[in-house]
Amino acid sequence: MTFFFFDSSALVKRYVPEQGTTWVRSLTDPAAGHTSIIAQITLVEVVSGTMRRAREGTLSPRLAQAIRLLLTHHAHQEYLVIGLTPSVVQRAIELLEQHPLRAYDAIQLATALEVQDRLHTIGSSSLVFVSADQRLVAVAASVGLRFADPNAHT
């Protein structure tokens, strides 16, 4: 079993068809047997992006609402959702001191690093950080995370 940590730029592809959607959907399909992990703030970021698209007219308001409901369902049934903790905040601050990241990206990466640490304590090293943000992927690689870019897949 592989553990995949999805940031918002990757997870949104499960709900809005774009480059990498088929690949993300194959990984998040419960039948695939993987564990899909997200930071709690991912829910806010995906809903924000979806509603922005609805306001801009690139997504119907009805579809945006359906995506929000499906995302909420998946968060309760399929995703391991990791909340914001003091240790994640501290790690995010340390990442911001060392790398040119946006605040939410630092929280995403800090959360993934916390998950990786937990997995290492149980003898697993199979976490893959999934992001379509090239800057974030570069920083993830520099701090030792395995990574995958959904834009590299059809």
Foldseek 3Di string as FASTA:
>chain_A
DFEEEEALQQVLLCQDPDQLNVVSVCQQPVVNVYAYEYEPCSLVVSLVVLVVCCVVPVDPPVSSVVSNVVVVVCPVPGHHYHYDDPQLQVQLVVLVVPAVDDSVLSSRLSVLVVVCVVCVVVPDRRYEYEHQDVRSVVVSVVVPHHYDYSNVHD
